[in-house]
Amino acid sequence: MNDLLRIRSLSKRYDGFDLKDIDLTVPAGSVVGLVGSNGAGKTTTIKSVLGLVFPDAGSIELFGQNVGEHASAKAVKQAKQRVGVVFDTCSFPEEMTVEAVGRLMSYSYEAWSAADFEQRLAQFELPKNRAVKDLSRGMSMKLSLACALSHDPDLLILDATLDCLRDYMRDERHGILMSSHITSDLEKIADYVVCIDEGRIVFSVEKDAITDLAGIAHCRAAEFERIAASGFFAPGELRSLRHPYGIDVLVPDRFAFSESFKGVALDKADIDTYLALMLKGEIR
């Protein structure tokens, strides 16, 4: 499988924030969800890929081509022609109409298709004569997505949560890196989930390892101590959150856990609960 995007040991230092040793890959045919709290480093990572900020260390490859600070301008331009980008805020001039935005984009991308753009506008029910400033936030995001898709990109980078992506992913050459706070959307479409916190990768796992395999055990104090002493978890791998009614434990394999601890209540994990326990759980 070809990697559309490969980030290795990416680091960037700001006053009060340090992005450090980020490794991230987007294989062809996959959707990678990038999660984490505000200020965790997601947008800095995306801006580094797009050349909007220059990292202090590490490497970035798009389609096997180095696009870092010292790459040739021609190589970077060619790689970026194959990338579609949607940010969380609309970046087009406010006075410009939807139709004029399409004309502007046609000068930016060699593979721009006016016919595809017209089709996207109809699909998203976007009025061509409406000014950008008069669009709702949802319509602004749809306009950005229409622009991102109308030059036949091989990789979509989304710093927003959007529907309408399944058709795009029917082509197995495509891939998506999607930064989102709405994890229920990632559960529907993502293949991999990567979490950044305080500028560092906390975990990078297949989404199915969370939603299909992991679980949350709900324990009383005595049950928790029995689980902790059982050897089921290696040292440093037991993560738990205490609340007034008991203790929640993150279980990597709920099927194996249920065989070992038949009397303990156990639910399937979702990305939200997995993320909470990984970021906030006590480690033992």
Protein backbone atom coordinates (compact mmCIF):
# COMPACT_ATOMS: atom_id res chain seq x y z
CA MET A 1 0.00 0.00 0.00
CA ASN A 2 1.38 3.44 -0.96
CA ASP A 3 1.61 6.18 1.65
CA LEU A 4 0.08 9.46 0.50
CA LEU A 5 1.46 11.32 3.51
CA ARG A 6 4.33 10.35 5.77
CA ILE A 7 5.45 12.47 8.73
CA ARG A 8 8.49 11.44 10.76
CA SER A 9 9.85 12.99 13.98
CA LEU A 10 8.13 16.32 13.30
CA SER A 11 8.96 18.95 15.92
CA LYS A 12 8.07 22.64 16.25
CA ARG A 13 8.71 24.90 19.23
CA TYR A 14 6.70 27.99 20.13
CA ASP A 15 6.70 30.04 23.32
CA GLY A 16 4.70 27.92 25.74
CA PHE A 17 4.15 25.02 23.33
CA ASP A 18 6.31 22.23 21.98
CA LEU A 19 5.27 19.86 19.18
CA LYS A 20 7.67 16.94 19.50
CA ASP A 21 8.53 13.82 17.48
CA ILE A 22 5.21 13.45 15.64
CA ASP A 23 4.96 10.33 13.46
CA LEU A 24 1.88 10.05 11.25
CA THR A 25 1.04 8.16 8.06
CA VAL A 26 -1.93 8.29 5.70
CA PRO A 27 -1.93 5.15 3.51
CA ALA A 28 -3.77 5.19 0.20
CA GLY A 29 -7.34 3.99 0.61
CA SER A 30 -7.59 5.05 4.25
CA VAL A 31 -9.12 7.75 6.44
CA VAL A 32 -6.99 8.86 9.38
CA GLY A 33 -8.76 10.74 12.15
CA LEU A 34 -6.59 13.19 14.09
CA VAL A 35 -8.01 13.85 17.56
CA GLY A 36 -7.05 15.83 20.63
CA SER A 37 -8.11 18.87 22.62
CA ASN A 38 -7.76 22.46 21.42
CA GLY A 39 -4.12 23.48 21.46
CA ALA A 40 -2.88 19.89 21.38
CA GLY A 41 -0.95 20.35 18.13
CA LYS A 42 -3.36 19.15 15.44
CA THR A 43 -3.50 22.38 13.46
CA THR A 44 0.27 22.94 13.75
CA THR A 45 0.78 19.48 12.28
CA ILE A 46 -1.58 20.20 9.39
CA LYS A 47 -0.04 23.62 8.71
CA SER A 48 3.41 22.00 8.64
CA VAL A 49 2.23 19.57 5.96
CA LEU A 50 0.85 22.45 3.90
CA GLY A 51 3.97 24.56 4.25
CA LEU A 52 2.19 27.27 6.24
CA VAL A 53 4.68 26.83 9.06
CA PHE A 54 8.17 25.35 8.90
CA PRO A 55 9.02 22.68 11.51
CA ASP A 56 12.24 22.82 13.47
CA ALA A 57 13.01 19.15 12.83
CA GLY A 58 11.64 16.06 11.13
CA SER A 59 10.53 15.19 7.62
CA ILE A 60 7.31 15.43 5.61
CA GLU A 61 6.63 13.50 2.42
CA LEU A 62 3.61 13.88 0.14
CA PHE A 63 3.22 11.05 -2.39
CA GLY A 64 6.79 9.97 -1.68
CA GLN A 65 8.18 13.45 -2.35
CA ASN A 66 9.94 15.52 0.30
CA VAL A 67 8.04 18.79 0.84
CA GLY A 68 10.04 20.13 3.76
CA GLU A 69 11.71 23.52 4.02
CA HIS A 70 14.63 22.51 1.80
CA ALA A 71 12.61 20.80 -0.95
CA SER A 72 12.60 22.36 -4.41
CA ALA A 73 9.77 24.80 -5.13
CA LYS A 74 8.77 22.76 -8.19
CA ALA A 75 8.45 19.53 -6.18
CA VAL A 76 6.37 21.23 -3.50
CA LYS A 77 4.08 22.83 -6.08
CA GLN A 78 3.54 19.52 -7.89
CA ALA A 79 2.71 17.72 -4.64
CA LYS A 80 0.28 20.39 -3.47
CA GLN A 81 -1.60 20.21 -6.77
CA ARG A 82 -2.70 16.74 -5.61
CA VAL A 83 -3.98 17.90 -2.21
CA GLY A 84 -7.41 19.28 -1.34
CA VAL A 85 -7.71 21.28 1.88
CA VAL A 86 -10.66 22.36 4.02
CA PHE A 87 -10.04 24.48 7.10
CA ASP A 88 -12.42 25.06 9.99
CA THR A 89 -13.08 28.62 8.81
CA CYS A 90 -13.84 29.80 5.29
CA SER A 91 -10.78 31.50 3.80
CA PHE A 92 -12.33 33.12 0.70
CA PRO A 93 -12.85 36.90 0.41
CA GLU A 94 -16.19 37.81 1.96
CA GLU A 95 -17.43 39.97 -0.93
CA MET A 96 -16.76 37.28 -3.52
CA THR A 97 -19.68 35.26 -4.84
CA VAL A 98 -19.71 31.46 -4.86
CA GLU A 99 -19.36 31.50 -8.65
CA ALA A 100 -16.38 33.89 -8.46
CA VAL A 101 -14.69 31.62 -5.93
CA GLY A 102 -14.77 28.87 -8.55
CA ARG A 103 -13.13 31.16 -11.12
CA LEU A 104 -10.44 32.10 -8.60
CA MET A 105 -9.70 28.44 -7.85
CA SER A 106 -9.39 27.64 -11.56
CA TYR A 107 -6.21 29.74 -11.63
CA SER A 108 -4.74 27.82 -8.71
CA TYR A 109 -5.09 24.21 -9.85
CA GLU A 110 -4.03 22.76 -13.20
CA ALA A 111 -6.60 19.96 -12.93
CA TRP A 112 -9.49 22.26 -11.94
CA SER A 113 -12.81 21.12 -13.43
CA ALA A 114 -15.51 23.79 -13.80
CA ALA A 115 -18.01 21.01 -14.55
CA ASP A 116 -17.16 19.20 -11.31
CA PHE A 117 -17.48 22.45 -9.38
CA GLU A 118 -20.91 23.11 -10.90
CA GLN A 119 -21.95 19.59 -9.97
CA ARG A 120 -20.78 20.07 -6.35
CA LEU A 121 -22.66 23.35 -6.07
CA ALA A 122 -25.84 21.62 -7.19
CA GLN A 123 -25.20 18.66 -4.88
CA PHE A 124 -24.65 20.94 -1.87
CA GLU A 125 -27.44 23.35 -2.89
CA LEU A 126 -25.09 26.34 -2.92
CA PRO A 127 -26.47 29.45 -4.71
CA LYS A 128 -23.89 30.65 -7.25
CA ASN A 129 -24.74 34.34 -6.86
CA ARG A 130 -24.61 34.43 -3.04
CA ALA A 131 -21.68 36.25 -1.43
CA VAL A 132 -19.36 34.33 0.87
CA LYS A 133 -20.24 36.67 3.77
CA ASP A 134 -23.90 35.65 3.45
CA LEU A 135 -23.25 31.92 3.73
CA SER A 136 -23.97 30.04 6.94
CA ARG A 137 -21.07 28.22 8.56
CA GLY A 138 -22.33 24.91 7.18
CA MET A 139 -22.66 26.33 3.67
CA SER A 140 -19.18 27.86 3.92
CA MET A 141 -17.77 24.44 4.75
CA LYS A 142 -19.62 22.93 1.79
CA LEU A 143 -18.15 25.60 -0.50
CA SER A 144 -14.66 24.81 0.80
CA LEU A 145 -15.27 21.11 0.22
CA ALA A 146 -16.62 21.75 -3.30
CA CYS A 147 -13.40 23.62 -4.09
CA ALA A 148 -11.23 20.93 -2.50
CA LEU A 149 -12.84 18.16 -4.55
CA SER A 150 -13.06 19.91 -7.92
CA HIS A 151 -9.43 19.44 -8.90
CA ASP A 152 -9.42 15.65 -8.40
CA PRO A 153 -7.08 15.52 -5.37
CA ASP A 154 -5.48 12.29 -4.22
CA LEU A 155 -5.36 13.44 -0.57
CA LEU A 156 -7.91 15.46 1.38
CA ILE A 157 -6.75 17.29 4.51
CA LEU A 158 -9.66 18.45 6.63
CA ASP A 159 -9.39 20.68 9.68
CA ALA A 160 -13.18 20.40 9.96
CA THR A 161 -15.90 17.79 10.19
CA LEU A 162 -17.82 17.17 6.99
CA ASP A 163 -20.21 14.66 5.53
CA CYS A 164 -20.30 13.68 1.85
CA LEU A 165 -16.89 11.95 1.95
CA ARG A 166 -17.89 8.36 1.20
CA ASP A 167 -18.06 8.88 -2.56
CA TYR A 168 -14.56 10.34 -2.51
CA MET A 169 -13.20 7.29 -0.68
CA ARG A 170 -14.63 4.83 -3.20
CA ASP A 171 -11.41 5.41 -5.13
CA GLU A 172 -8.81 3.36 -3.23
CA ARG A 173 -6.03 5.67 -4.42
CA HIS A 174 -7.46 8.44 -2.26
CA GLY A 175 -6.89 9.18 1.40
CA ILE A 176 -8.08 11.62 4.05
CA LEU A 177 -6.42 13.19 7.07
CA MET A 178 -9.30 14.59 9.11
CA SER A 179 -8.92 16.63 12.29
CA SER A 180 -12.17 16.61 14.22
CA HIS A 181 -13.67 17.17 17.66
CA ILE A 182 -16.79 15.20 16.68
CA THR A 183 -15.65 11.64 17.24
CA SER A 184 -18.98 10.10 16.21
CA ASP A 185 -18.20 11.19 12.65
CA LEU A 186 -14.79 9.53 12.84
CA GLU A 187 -16.43 6.30 13.99
CA LYS A 188 -18.42 6.24 10.75
CA ILE A 189 -15.57 6.84 8.31
CA ALA A 190 -12.09 6.60 9.90
CA ASP A 191 -9.77 3.62 9.48
CA TYR A 192 -7.13 4.88 11.92
CA VAL A 193 -7.25 7.24 14.90
CA VAL A 194 -4.22 9.28 15.95
CA CYS A 195 -4.32 11.32 19.18
CA ILE A 196 -2.10 14.32 19.91
CA ASP A 197 -1.92 15.85 23.37
CA GLU A 198 0.41 18.64 24.47
CA GLY A 199 2.33 18.31 21.22
CA ARG A 200 2.96 14.56 21.43
CA ILE A 201 1.39 11.43 20.00
CA VAL A 202 -0.55 9.62 22.74
CA PHE A 203 -1.78 6.75 20.60
CA SER A 204 -2.11 5.70 16.97
CA VAL A 205 -4.40 2.71 16.45
CA GLU A 206 -6.80 1.20 13.97
CA LYS A 207 -10.29 2.53 14.63
CA ASP A 208 -11.67 -1.01 14.86
CA ALA A 209 -9.30 -1.71 17.76
CA ILE A 210 -11.31 0.92 19.65
CA THR A 211 -14.88 0.40 18.49
CA ASP A 212 -14.85 -3.37 17.86
CA LEU A 213 -12.35 -4.71 20.39
CA ALA A 214 -11.84 -2.32 23.32
CA GLY A 215 -14.20 -2.03 26.26
CA ILE A 216 -14.89 -0.06 29.42
CA ALA A 217 -15.17 -2.10 32.62
CA HIS A 218 -17.26 -0.63 35.43
CA CYS A 219 -15.82 -1.76 38.76
CA ARG A 220 -16.31 -1.41 42.46
CA ALA A 221 -13.21 -0.67 44.48
CA ALA A 222 -12.67 -4.30 45.49
CA GLU A 223 -13.09 -5.49 41.90
CA PHE A 224 -10.60 -2.90 40.71
CA GLU A 225 -7.96 -4.05 43.18
CA ARG A 226 -8.51 -7.66 42.15
CA ILE A 227 -8.08 -6.73 38.46
CA ALA A 228 -4.98 -4.64 39.21
CA ALA A 229 -3.37 -7.52 41.11
CA SER A 230 -4.30 -10.22 38.58
CA GLY A 231 -1.49 -9.62 36.09
CA PHE A 232 -4.03 -9.16 33.26
CA PHE A 233 -2.53 -5.71 32.63
CA ALA A 234 1.20 -5.19 32.27
CA PRO A 235 2.70 -2.53 34.58
CA GLY A 236 1.86 0.94 33.27
CA GLU A 237 -0.96 -0.28 31.01
CA LEU A 238 -3.92 -0.13 33.41
CA ARG A 239 -5.83 3.12 32.90
CA SER A 240 -8.75 4.04 35.11
CA LEU A 241 -11.07 6.91 35.97
CA ARG A 242 -12.72 7.18 39.37
CA HIS A 243 -16.20 8.64 39.81
CA PRO A 244 -18.69 8.69 42.70
CA TYR A 245 -20.26 5.35 41.70
CA GLY A 246 -17.16 3.31 41.01
CA ILE A 247 -14.12 3.04 38.75
CA ASP A 248 -14.00 2.78 34.95
CA VAL A 249 -11.17 0.76 33.42
CA LEU A 250 -10.03 0.86 29.79
CA VAL A 251 -9.87 -2.70 28.47
CA PRO A 252 -7.93 -3.25 25.20
CA ASP A 253 -9.63 -6.62 24.54
CA ARG A 254 -13.07 -6.86 26.13
CA PHE A 255 -13.56 -10.46 24.99
CA ALA A 256 -10.46 -11.69 26.81
CA PHE A 257 -11.35 -9.53 29.79
CA SER A 258 -14.88 -10.95 30.06
CA GLU A 259 -13.46 -14.48 30.14
CA SER A 260 -11.16 -13.58 33.02
CA PHE A 261 -13.58 -11.40 35.01
CA LYS A 262 -17.05 -12.74 34.36
CA GLY A 263 -18.81 -10.76 37.08
CA VAL A 264 -17.55 -7.31 36.07
CA ALA A 265 -19.89 -5.06 34.07
CA LEU A 266 -18.41 -4.32 30.66
CA ASP A 267 -19.45 -2.07 27.75
CA LYS A 268 -18.07 -1.52 24.26
CA ALA A 269 -15.74 1.46 24.00
CA ASP A 270 -16.28 4.39 21.68
CA ILE A 271 -13.69 6.94 20.62
CA ASP A 272 -14.84 9.49 23.20
CA THR A 273 -14.51 7.18 26.20
CA TYR A 274 -11.28 5.66 24.88
CA LEU A 275 -9.87 9.16 24.44
CA ALA A 276 -10.95 10.26 27.92
CA LEU A 277 -9.31 7.29 29.61
CA MET A 278 -6.13 7.59 27.56
CA LEU A 279 -5.78 11.30 28.30
CA LYS A 280 -7.20 11.59 31.82
CA GLY A 281 -6.98 8.10 33.28
CA GLU A 282 -4.76 7.19 36.19
CA ILE A 283 -1.97 4.84 35.12
CA ARG A 284 -1.04 1.82 37.19
